[in-house]
Amino acid sequence: MIVKGVVGTKGELLPPKRIRDRLHLKSGSTVIYRVEVSRLIIEPVPDLMTAIKLPKFGKTTVDEFEKERQELAMEVSRR
């Protein structure tokens, strides 16, 4: 979906209602702003109850996580 929006007088980003409705954005919703090259990407942050219902991915044990963390720390320290 491509829709034109407006920047407010104080620099606020004002997404059109169609976008807010599609992303379930309400007043006070939390979003993440990310810049990639010359693009601004805005992603909604789900509330806790919504996040709990999202599909889970990545199954790992604490031992596997710790081993990976140590390997990455060693790799970074060698640079």
Protein backbone atom coordinates (compact mmCIF):
# COMPACT_ATOMS: atom_id res chain seq x y z
CA MET A 1 0.00 0.00 0.00
CA ILE A 2 1.32 3.42 -0.93
CA VAL A 3 -0.45 6.43 0.55
CA LYS A 4 0.66 10.05 0.80
CA GLY A 5 0.87 11.49 4.31
CA VAL A 6 1.71 14.78 5.97
CA VAL A 7 4.36 16.06 8.36
CA GLY A 8 2.83 18.33 11.01
CA THR A 9 4.03 21.80 11.95
CA LYS A 10 6.06 20.39 14.87
CA GLY A 11 7.57 17.58 12.76
CA GLU A 12 4.94 14.98 13.72
CA LEU A 13 4.37 12.18 11.26
CA LEU A 14 0.67 11.91 10.52
CA PRO A 15 -0.15 8.64 8.76
CA PRO A 16 -3.52 8.60 7.00
CA LYS A 17 -6.44 6.75 8.61
CA ARG A 18 -6.18 3.84 6.11
CA ILE A 19 -2.63 3.13 7.33
CA ARG A 20 -3.50 3.56 11.01
CA ASP A 21 -6.45 1.19 10.63
CA ARG A 22 -4.43 -1.43 8.74
CA LEU A 23 -1.68 -1.39 11.40
CA HIS A 24 -4.15 -1.10 14.30
CA LEU A 25 -2.51 2.12 15.47
CA LYS A 26 -4.38 4.05 18.12
CA SER A 27 -3.48 7.25 19.96
CA GLY A 28 -0.54 6.40 22.22
CA SER A 29 0.52 3.29 20.23
CA THR A 30 4.24 2.56 20.34
CA VAL A 31 6.17 2.33 17.06
CA ILE A 32 9.77 1.78 16.04
CA TYR A 33 11.39 4.15 13.55
CA ARG A 34 14.20 2.72 11.44
CA VAL A 35 16.15 4.43 8.66
CA GLU A 36 17.47 2.25 5.83
CA VAL A 37 19.47 4.24 3.29
CA SER A 38 16.96 6.99 2.41
CA ARG A 39 13.81 5.24 3.63
CA LEU A 40 11.99 5.65 6.92
CA ILE A 41 10.39 2.43 8.12
CA ILE A 42 7.80 2.60 10.88
CA GLU A 43 6.77 -0.61 12.62
CA PRO A 44 4.14 -0.98 15.31
CA VAL A 45 5.27 -2.56 18.59
CA PRO A 46 2.67 -5.08 19.74
CA ASP A 47 1.30 -4.82 23.27
CA LEU A 48 2.21 -7.61 25.68
CA MET A 49 -1.00 -9.63 25.21
CA THR A 50 -0.66 -9.52 21.41
CA ALA A 51 3.05 -10.44 21.60
CA ILE A 52 2.27 -13.48 23.77
CA LYS A 53 -0.09 -14.77 21.06
CA LEU A 54 2.42 -14.32 18.21
CA PRO A 55 4.00 -17.49 16.80
CA LYS A 56 7.20 -18.44 18.56
CA PHE A 57 10.39 -19.03 16.64
CA GLY A 58 13.88 -20.04 17.57
CA LYS A 59 14.18 -22.88 20.03
CA THR A 60 17.45 -22.97 21.92
CA THR A 61 18.66 -23.98 25.34
CA VAL A 62 20.44 -21.71 27.78
CA ASP A 63 23.64 -23.73 27.22
CA GLU A 64 23.41 -23.29 23.43
CA PHE A 65 22.77 -19.57 23.84
CA GLU A 66 25.74 -19.18 26.20
CA LYS A 67 28.05 -21.10 23.85
CA GLU A 68 27.00 -18.90 20.90
CA ARG A 69 27.43 -15.73 22.98
CA GLN A 70 30.97 -16.79 24.00
CA GLU A 71 31.91 -17.61 20.39
CA LEU A 72 30.68 -14.21 19.21
CA ALA A 73 32.55 -12.44 22.04
CA MET A 74 35.78 -14.24 21.06
CA GLU A 75 35.28 -13.31 17.39
CA VAL A 76 34.71 -9.64 18.26
CA SER A 77 37.73 -9.50 20.58
CA ARG A 78 40.01 -10.79 17.76
CA ARG A 79 39.10 -7.84 15.50
